[in-house]
Amino acid sequence: MKLKAIIPAAFAIVLMSAACTANKAGTTAEENNAGASLAGTYDIVTVALNDTALVNAVDIDDAYGPIRMVFTDTTYSAKTNCNTIFGEYTRTGGKVTLKDGGMTRMACPDVTMEQLMVTVLPQITDVEFVSDTLVNLTSANSPARITLRPVK
């Protein structure tokens, strides 16, 4: 008789535990991203102004080194296939502001990605940690986005 009472109670405890540890469904992206740190090194996967004006890093010759974005607690740098764009940023929860900074000006055979980066970076307003392997920097006012993959 006691066994019949214990099984439903144990099942209820398991369900409650799963609900407490599950991804915070029903919360906003800002609430889900509030505790995650942006500081780190990321491979740039895609830079897009919209659905047709985009560059995938795999399509760019990376002879000058990896195509990456690095964030410290207050600064960022974006290394394209040739030049580096850098500046300061601020972040509050899921909101991010990438401030104007500087850029190296080496002569490069293909500047498609860096031209797109220069256009997209000022439009970025949001950061979303999609998973442990994907971070999206997006714009609240346009389809502009930068997709990043953390370097392990």
N, C-alpha and C. Protein backbone atom coordinates (compact mmCIF):
# COMPACT_ATOMS: atom_id res chain seq x y z
N MET A 1 0.82 -1.18 0.00
CA MET A 1 0.00 0.00 0.00
C MET A 1 0.87 1.25 0.00
N LYS A 2 1.94 1.26 0.81
CA LYS A 2 2.82 2.42 0.88
C LYS A 2 3.55 2.63 -0.44
N LEU A 3 3.85 1.56 -1.14
CA LEU A 3 4.55 1.65 -2.41
C LEU A 3 3.72 2.43 -3.44
N LYS A 4 2.40 2.23 -3.43
CA LYS A 4 1.53 2.94 -4.36
C LYS A 4 1.55 4.44 -4.09
N ALA A 5 1.71 4.87 -2.88
CA ALA A 5 1.77 6.29 -2.54
C ALA A 5 3.13 6.88 -2.85
N ILE A 6 4.18 6.10 -2.74
CA ILE A 6 5.54 6.59 -2.96
C ILE A 6 5.81 6.84 -4.45
N ILE A 7 5.33 5.97 -5.32
CA ILE A 7 5.61 6.09 -6.76
C ILE A 7 5.07 7.41 -7.32
N PRO A 8 3.80 7.79 -7.09
CA PRO A 8 3.33 9.08 -7.62
C PRO A 8 4.10 10.26 -7.01
N ALA A 9 4.47 10.17 -5.74
CA ALA A 9 5.21 11.26 -5.11
C ALA A 9 6.60 11.39 -5.74
N ALA A 10 7.25 10.27 -5.98
CA ALA A 10 8.57 10.30 -6.60
C ALA A 10 8.48 10.85 -8.03
N PHE A 11 7.45 10.47 -8.75
CA PHE A 11 7.25 10.96 -10.11
C PHE A 11 7.03 12.48 -10.10
N ALA A 12 6.26 12.97 -9.16
CA ALA A 12 6.02 14.41 -9.04
C ALA A 12 7.31 15.17 -8.74
N ILE A 13 8.16 14.61 -7.90
CA ILE A 13 9.44 15.24 -7.57
C ILE A 13 10.33 15.30 -8.81
N VAL A 14 10.37 14.23 -9.60
CA VAL A 14 11.17 14.21 -10.82
C VAL A 14 10.67 15.28 -11.79
N LEU A 15 9.36 15.39 -11.96
CA LEU A 15 8.80 16.40 -12.87
C LEU A 15 9.12 17.81 -12.40
N MET A 16 9.00 18.07 -11.12
CA MET A 16 9.30 19.40 -10.58
C MET A 16 10.77 19.73 -10.77
N SER A 17 11.63 18.76 -10.55
CA SER A 17 13.06 18.97 -10.72
C SER A 17 13.39 19.29 -12.17
N ALA A 18 12.79 18.58 -13.11
CA ALA A 18 13.02 18.83 -14.53
C ALA A 18 12.53 20.22 -14.92
N ALA A 19 11.40 20.62 -14.39
CA ALA A 19 10.87 21.95 -14.70
C ALA A 19 11.77 23.05 -14.17
N CYS A 20 12.39 22.83 -13.03
CA CYS A 20 13.27 23.85 -12.44
C CYS A 20 14.59 23.97 -13.19
N THR A 21 15.07 22.89 -13.81
CA THR A 21 16.36 22.94 -14.48
C THR A 21 16.24 23.11 -15.99
N ALA A 22 15.05 23.08 -16.53
CA ALA A 22 14.87 23.22 -17.97
C ALA A 22 15.21 24.64 -18.41
N ASN A 23 15.45 24.81 -19.71
CA ASN A 23 15.67 26.14 -20.26
C ASN A 23 14.47 26.99 -19.93
N LYS A 24 14.69 28.22 -19.66
CA LYS A 24 13.65 29.11 -19.16
C LYS A 24 12.64 29.44 -20.24
N ALA A 25 11.84 28.46 -20.64
CA ALA A 25 10.83 28.68 -21.66
C ALA A 25 9.85 29.74 -21.18
N GLY A 26 9.43 30.58 -22.09
CA GLY A 26 8.48 31.62 -21.74
C GLY A 26 9.13 32.91 -21.26
N THR A 27 10.47 32.92 -21.14
CA THR A 27 11.15 34.15 -20.75
C THR A 27 11.67 34.84 -21.99
N THR A 28 11.99 36.10 -21.87
CA THR A 28 12.50 36.84 -23.01
C THR A 28 13.95 36.50 -23.25
N ALA A 29 14.44 36.82 -24.45
CA ALA A 29 15.86 36.57 -24.76
C ALA A 29 16.74 37.35 -23.80
N GLU A 30 16.31 38.56 -23.43
CA GLU A 30 17.10 39.37 -22.51
C GLU A 30 17.23 38.69 -21.15
N GLU A 31 16.13 38.08 -20.67
CA GLU A 31 16.18 37.38 -19.39
C GLU A 31 17.07 36.14 -19.48
N ASN A 32 17.00 35.41 -20.59
CA ASN A 32 17.83 34.21 -20.77
C ASN A 32 19.31 34.55 -20.89
N ASN A 33 19.64 35.73 -21.44
CA ASN A 33 21.02 36.11 -21.71
C ASN A 33 21.64 36.95 -20.61
N ALA A 34 20.87 37.32 -19.60
CA ALA A 34 21.35 38.25 -18.58
C ALA A 34 22.61 37.77 -17.88
N GLY A 35 22.75 36.49 -17.63
CA GLY A 35 23.89 35.99 -16.87
C GLY A 35 25.06 35.55 -17.73
N ALA A 36 24.88 35.41 -19.03
CA ALA A 36 25.95 34.92 -19.90
C ALA A 36 26.96 36.04 -20.19
N SER A 37 28.23 35.68 -20.21
CA SER A 37 29.29 36.65 -20.50
C SER A 37 29.60 36.62 -21.99
N LEU A 38 29.75 37.79 -22.58
CA LEU A 38 30.12 37.89 -23.98
C LEU A 38 31.63 37.81 -24.17
N ALA A 39 32.38 38.06 -23.11
CA ALA A 39 33.85 38.04 -23.20
C ALA A 39 34.33 36.68 -23.70
N GLY A 40 35.20 36.73 -24.71
CA GLY A 40 35.75 35.50 -25.26
C GLY A 40 36.12 35.67 -26.72
N THR A 41 36.57 34.58 -27.33
CA THR A 41 36.97 34.56 -28.73
C THR A 41 35.97 33.74 -29.52
N TYR A 42 35.55 34.28 -30.67
CA TYR A 42 34.52 33.65 -31.49
C TYR A 42 34.98 33.59 -32.94
N ASP A 43 34.69 32.49 -33.62
CA ASP A 43 34.82 32.44 -35.07
C ASP A 43 33.60 33.16 -35.64
N ILE A 44 33.83 34.00 -36.64
CA ILE A 44 32.72 34.65 -37.33
C ILE A 44 32.18 33.65 -38.34
N VAL A 45 30.90 33.34 -38.25
CA VAL A 45 30.28 32.38 -39.15
C VAL A 45 29.67 33.11 -40.35
N THR A 46 28.84 34.14 -40.05
CA THR A 46 28.14 34.88 -41.09
C THR A 46 28.03 36.35 -40.69
N VAL A 47 28.16 37.22 -41.67
CA VAL A 47 27.87 38.64 -41.50
C VAL A 47 26.82 38.96 -42.55
N ALA A 48 25.68 39.50 -42.11
CA ALA A 48 24.58 39.75 -43.05
C ALA A 48 23.96 41.11 -42.81
N LEU A 49 23.76 41.85 -43.88
CA LEU A 49 23.01 43.09 -43.83
C LEU A 49 21.53 42.79 -43.98
N ASN A 50 21.24 41.79 -44.81
CA ASN A 50 19.87 41.29 -45.00
C ASN A 50 19.99 39.88 -45.59
N ASP A 51 18.89 39.35 -46.09
CA ASP A 51 18.90 37.97 -46.58
C ASP A 51 19.69 37.79 -47.88
N THR A 52 19.96 38.87 -48.61
CA THR A 52 20.69 38.73 -49.86
C THR A 52 22.11 39.30 -49.78
N ALA A 53 22.33 40.30 -48.92
CA ALA A 53 23.67 40.87 -48.76
C ALA A 53 24.32 40.24 -47.53
N LEU A 54 25.01 39.11 -47.76
CA LEU A 54 25.63 38.39 -46.66
C LEU A 54 26.90 37.71 -47.12
N VAL A 55 27.76 37.45 -46.14
CA VAL A 55 29.02 36.75 -46.42
C VAL A 55 29.18 35.66 -45.37
N ASN A 56 29.43 34.44 -45.83
CA ASN A 56 29.74 33.32 -44.95
C ASN A 56 31.26 33.21 -44.88
N ALA A 57 31.80 33.11 -43.70
CA ALA A 57 33.26 33.06 -43.52
C ALA A 57 33.90 31.91 -44.28
N VAL A 58 33.19 30.79 -44.43
CA VAL A 58 33.78 29.65 -45.15
C VAL A 58 34.03 29.98 -46.62
N ASP A 59 33.40 31.03 -47.13
CA ASP A 59 33.57 31.42 -48.53
C ASP A 59 34.69 32.45 -48.72
N ILE A 60 35.34 32.85 -47.63
CA ILE A 60 36.39 33.88 -47.67
C ILE A 60 37.76 33.22 -47.50
N ASP A 61 38.72 33.66 -48.27
CA ASP A 61 40.09 33.16 -48.15
C ASP A 61 40.67 33.68 -46.83
N ASP A 62 41.03 32.79 -45.95
CA ASP A 62 41.56 33.18 -44.64
C ASP A 62 43.08 33.03 -44.58
N ALA A 63 43.75 33.36 -45.67
CA ALA A 63 45.21 33.22 -45.74
C ALA A 63 45.92 34.08 -44.70
N TYR A 64 45.27 35.15 -44.21
CA TYR A 64 45.89 36.04 -43.23
C TYR A 64 45.55 35.62 -41.79
N GLY A 65 44.91 34.51 -41.62
CA GLY A 65 44.58 34.02 -40.27
C GLY A 65 43.09 33.83 -40.10
N PRO A 66 42.69 33.34 -38.93
CA PRO A 66 41.27 33.05 -38.69
C PRO A 66 40.42 34.33 -38.71
N ILE A 67 39.20 34.17 -39.17
CA ILE A 67 38.22 35.26 -39.20
C ILE A 67 37.48 35.19 -37.87
N ARG A 68 37.79 36.15 -36.98
CA ARG A 68 37.31 36.05 -35.60
C ARG A 68 36.85 37.38 -35.04
N MET A 69 36.09 37.26 -33.96
CA MET A 69 35.68 38.41 -33.17
C MET A 69 36.05 38.10 -31.73
N VAL A 70 36.66 39.08 -31.06
CA VAL A 70 37.10 38.90 -29.67
C VAL A 70 36.46 40.00 -28.83
N PHE A 71 35.90 39.59 -27.69
CA PHE A 71 35.32 40.53 -26.73
C PHE A 71 36.07 40.41 -25.41
N THR A 72 36.46 41.55 -24.84
CA THR A 72 36.92 41.58 -23.46
C THR A 72 35.71 42.06 -22.66
N ASP A 73 35.92 42.54 -21.46
CA ASP A 73 34.79 43.07 -20.68
C ASP A 73 34.26 44.37 -21.26
N THR A 74 35.09 45.13 -22.00
CA THR A 74 34.66 46.44 -22.49
C THR A 74 35.04 46.73 -23.94
N THR A 75 35.83 45.87 -24.58
CA THR A 75 36.26 46.14 -25.95
C THR A 75 35.94 44.96 -26.86
N TYR A 76 35.91 45.26 -28.15
CA TYR A 76 35.73 44.21 -29.15
C TYR A 76 36.71 44.43 -30.29
N SER A 77 37.03 43.36 -30.99
CA SER A 77 37.78 43.46 -32.24
C SER A 77 37.24 42.39 -33.18
N ALA A 78 37.16 42.76 -34.44
CA ALA A 78 36.67 41.84 -35.46
C ALA A 78 37.75 41.73 -36.53
N LYS A 79 38.36 40.56 -36.64
CA LYS A 79 39.42 40.30 -37.62
C LYS A 79 38.80 39.63 -38.83
N THR A 80 38.79 40.35 -39.94
CA THR A 80 38.28 39.74 -41.18
C THR A 80 39.44 39.02 -41.85
N ASN A 81 39.33 38.76 -43.14
CA ASN A 81 40.38 38.05 -43.84
C ASN A 81 41.65 38.89 -44.02
N CYS A 82 41.60 40.19 -43.67
CA CYS A 82 42.77 41.02 -43.85
C CYS A 82 42.90 42.10 -42.78
N ASN A 83 41.87 42.87 -42.55
CA ASN A 83 41.92 43.98 -41.61
C ASN A 83 41.19 43.67 -40.31
N THR A 84 41.42 44.54 -39.32
CA THR A 84 40.79 44.40 -38.01
C THR A 84 40.00 45.66 -37.69
N ILE A 85 38.78 45.47 -37.23
CA ILE A 85 37.91 46.55 -36.79
C ILE A 85 37.83 46.42 -35.28
N PHE A 86 37.91 47.54 -34.56
CA PHE A 86 37.93 47.45 -33.10
C PHE A 86 37.26 48.66 -32.47
N GLY A 87 36.85 48.49 -31.22
CA GLY A 87 36.21 49.57 -30.48
C GLY A 87 35.77 49.11 -29.11
N GLU A 88 35.01 49.94 -28.46
CA GLU A 88 34.45 49.61 -27.15
C GLU A 88 33.00 49.19 -27.31
N TYR A 89 32.50 48.46 -26.31
CA TYR A 89 31.09 48.10 -26.32
C TYR A 89 30.54 48.15 -24.91
N THR A 90 29.23 48.27 -24.82
CA THR A 90 28.54 48.16 -23.54
C THR A 90 27.44 47.12 -23.71
N ARG A 91 27.12 46.47 -22.61
CA ARG A 91 26.10 45.44 -22.65
C ARG A 91 25.29 45.46 -21.37
N THR A 92 23.97 45.39 -21.54
CA THR A 92 23.05 45.25 -20.42
C THR A 92 22.06 44.16 -20.80
N GLY A 93 22.16 43.01 -20.13
CA GLY A 93 21.28 41.89 -20.46
C GLY A 93 21.46 41.47 -21.90
N GLY A 94 20.37 41.46 -22.65
CA GLY A 94 20.39 41.07 -24.05
C GLY A 94 20.66 42.22 -25.00
N LYS A 95 20.92 43.41 -24.48
CA LYS A 95 21.19 44.59 -25.30
C LYS A 95 22.69 44.86 -25.36
N VAL A 96 23.18 45.25 -26.54
CA VAL A 96 24.60 45.53 -26.72
C VAL A 96 24.74 46.74 -27.64
N THR A 97 25.72 47.58 -27.36
CA THR A 97 26.05 48.72 -28.21
C THR A 97 27.52 48.61 -28.57
N LEU A 98 27.80 48.47 -29.86
CA LEU A 98 29.17 48.41 -30.36
C LEU A 98 29.54 49.82 -30.82
N LYS A 99 30.41 50.47 -30.06
CA LYS A 99 30.76 51.86 -30.34
C LYS A 99 31.78 51.95 -31.47
N ASP A 100 31.76 53.10 -32.16
CA ASP A 100 32.75 53.35 -33.21
C ASP A 100 34.15 53.27 -32.63
N GLY A 101 35.04 52.74 -33.39
CA GLY A 101 36.43 52.61 -32.96
C GLY A 101 37.34 52.91 -34.11
N GLY A 102 38.19 51.97 -34.44
CA GLY A 102 39.14 52.15 -35.53
C GLY A 102 39.19 50.93 -36.40
N MET A 103 40.05 51.03 -37.42
CA MET A 103 40.20 49.92 -38.35
C MET A 103 41.56 50.00 -39.01
N THR A 104 42.22 48.86 -39.13
CA THR A 104 43.46 48.83 -39.89
C THR A 104 43.10 49.00 -41.36
N ARG A 105 44.06 49.44 -42.16
CA ARG A 105 43.78 49.72 -43.58
C ARG A 105 44.81 49.08 -44.51
N MET A 106 44.98 47.78 -44.39
CA MET A 106 45.90 47.08 -45.29
C MET A 106 45.21 46.88 -46.64
N ALA A 107 45.98 46.89 -47.70
CA ALA A 107 45.44 46.61 -49.02
C ALA A 107 45.14 45.12 -49.12
N CYS A 108 43.92 44.79 -49.46
CA CYS A 108 43.49 43.40 -49.49
C CYS A 108 42.84 43.08 -50.82
N PRO A 109 43.01 41.85 -51.30
CA PRO A 109 42.39 41.48 -52.57
C PRO A 109 40.87 41.37 -52.48
N ASP A 110 40.33 41.04 -51.31
CA ASP A 110 38.89 40.87 -51.16
C ASP A 110 38.46 41.55 -49.86
N VAL A 111 37.74 42.64 -49.97
CA VAL A 111 37.30 43.39 -48.79
C VAL A 111 35.80 43.28 -48.57
N THR A 112 35.18 42.30 -49.19
CA THR A 112 33.72 42.13 -49.10
C THR A 112 33.26 42.00 -47.65
N MET A 113 33.91 41.12 -46.88
CA MET A 113 33.47 40.90 -45.51
C MET A 113 33.67 42.14 -44.65
N GLU A 114 34.82 42.79 -44.75
CA GLU A 114 35.04 43.95 -43.89
C GLU A 114 34.14 45.12 -44.26
N GLN A 115 33.81 45.29 -45.54
CA GLN A 115 32.86 46.33 -45.92
C GLN A 115 31.50 46.06 -45.31
N LEU A 116 31.10 44.80 -45.31
CA LEU A 116 29.83 44.42 -44.70
C LEU A 116 29.89 44.61 -43.18
N MET A 117 31.01 44.24 -42.56
CA MET A 117 31.17 44.43 -41.11
C MET A 117 31.04 45.90 -40.73
N VAL A 118 31.68 46.79 -41.49
CA VAL A 118 31.64 48.22 -41.21
C VAL A 118 30.20 48.73 -41.28
N THR A 119 29.40 48.16 -42.16
CA THR A 119 27.99 48.56 -42.30
C THR A 119 27.13 47.95 -41.21
N VAL A 120 27.38 46.69 -40.86
CA VAL A 120 26.52 45.96 -39.91
C VAL A 120 26.81 46.31 -38.45
N LEU A 121 28.07 46.45 -38.07
CA LEU A 121 28.43 46.67 -36.66
C LEU A 121 27.65 47.81 -35.99
N PRO A 122 27.49 48.98 -36.61
CA PRO A 122 26.75 50.05 -35.93
C PRO A 122 25.26 49.76 -35.76
N GLN A 123 24.73 48.81 -36.51
CA GLN A 123 23.31 48.47 -36.42
C GLN A 123 22.99 47.46 -35.32
N ILE A 124 24.00 46.79 -34.80
CA ILE A 124 23.80 45.73 -33.81
C ILE A 124 23.27 46.32 -32.51
N THR A 125 22.19 45.72 -31.99
CA THR A 125 21.57 46.18 -30.74
C THR A 125 21.33 45.06 -29.74
N ASP A 126 21.35 43.82 -30.21
CA ASP A 126 20.98 42.70 -29.34
C ASP A 126 22.00 41.57 -29.43
N VAL A 127 22.15 40.85 -28.33
CA VAL A 127 22.97 39.65 -28.30
C VAL A 127 22.11 38.51 -27.79
N GLU A 128 22.19 37.37 -28.49
CA GLU A 128 21.42 36.20 -28.10
C GLU A 128 22.33 34.98 -28.09
N PHE A 129 22.42 34.34 -26.94
CA PHE A 129 23.18 33.10 -26.80
C PHE A 129 22.23 31.97 -27.17
N VAL A 130 22.28 31.54 -28.43
CA VAL A 130 21.36 30.54 -28.94
C VAL A 130 21.63 29.19 -28.28
N SER A 131 22.92 28.87 -28.13
CA SER A 131 23.34 27.62 -27.49
C SER A 131 24.78 27.80 -27.05
N ASP A 132 25.38 26.72 -26.57
CA ASP A 132 26.80 26.78 -26.20
C ASP A 132 27.69 26.97 -27.42
N THR A 133 27.14 26.74 -28.61
CA THR A 133 27.95 26.79 -29.82
C THR A 133 27.51 27.86 -30.81
N LEU A 134 26.60 28.75 -30.42
CA LEU A 134 26.13 29.76 -31.35
C LEU A 134 25.66 31.01 -30.62
N VAL A 135 26.17 32.17 -31.10
CA VAL A 135 25.78 33.47 -30.56
C VAL A 135 25.38 34.35 -31.74
N ASN A 136 24.24 35.01 -31.62
CA ASN A 136 23.79 35.93 -32.66
C ASN A 136 23.84 37.37 -32.15
N LEU A 137 24.46 38.24 -32.93
CA LEU A 137 24.39 39.67 -32.70
C LEU A 137 23.42 40.19 -33.75
N THR A 138 22.34 40.82 -33.32
CA THR A 138 21.29 41.21 -34.25
C THR A 138 20.89 42.67 -34.04
N SER A 139 20.04 43.14 -34.94
CA SER A 139 19.54 44.50 -34.89
C SER A 139 18.04 44.47 -34.63
N ALA A 140 17.58 45.32 -33.73
CA ALA A 140 16.15 45.42 -33.47
C ALA A 140 15.43 46.15 -34.60
N ASN A 141 16.18 46.92 -35.40
CA ASN A 141 15.58 47.77 -36.41
C ASN A 141 15.81 47.31 -37.85
N SER A 142 16.55 46.25 -38.05
CA SER A 142 16.84 45.78 -39.40
C SER A 142 17.18 44.29 -39.34
N PRO A 143 17.30 43.64 -40.51
CA PRO A 143 17.68 42.22 -40.51
C PRO A 143 19.18 41.98 -40.35
N ALA A 144 19.96 43.03 -40.07
CA ALA A 144 21.41 42.89 -39.92
C ALA A 144 21.74 41.92 -38.79
N ARG A 145 22.79 41.09 -39.03
CA ARG A 145 23.18 40.13 -37.99
C ARG A 145 24.62 39.66 -38.21
N ILE A 146 25.22 39.25 -37.10
CA ILE A 146 26.52 38.59 -37.13
C ILE A 146 26.35 37.31 -36.33
N THR A 147 26.66 36.20 -36.92
CA THR A 147 26.56 34.91 -36.24
C THR A 147 27.97 34.47 -35.87
N LEU A 148 28.13 34.11 -34.59
CA LEU A 148 29.43 33.74 -34.03
C LEU A 148 29.40 32.35 -33.44
N ARG A 149 30.56 31.69 -33.47
CA ARG A 149 30.73 30.37 -32.83
C ARG A 149 31.88 30.48 -31.85
N PRO A 150 31.64 30.25 -30.55
CA PRO A 150 32.74 30.33 -29.58
C PRO A 150 33.89 29.40 -29.93
N VAL A 151 35.12 29.89 -29.79
CA VAL A 151 36.30 29.07 -30.01
C VAL A 151 36.55 28.30 -28.72
N LYS A 152 36.66 27.01 -28.82
CA LYS A 152 36.85 26.16 -27.62
C LYS A 152 38.32 25.99 -27.34
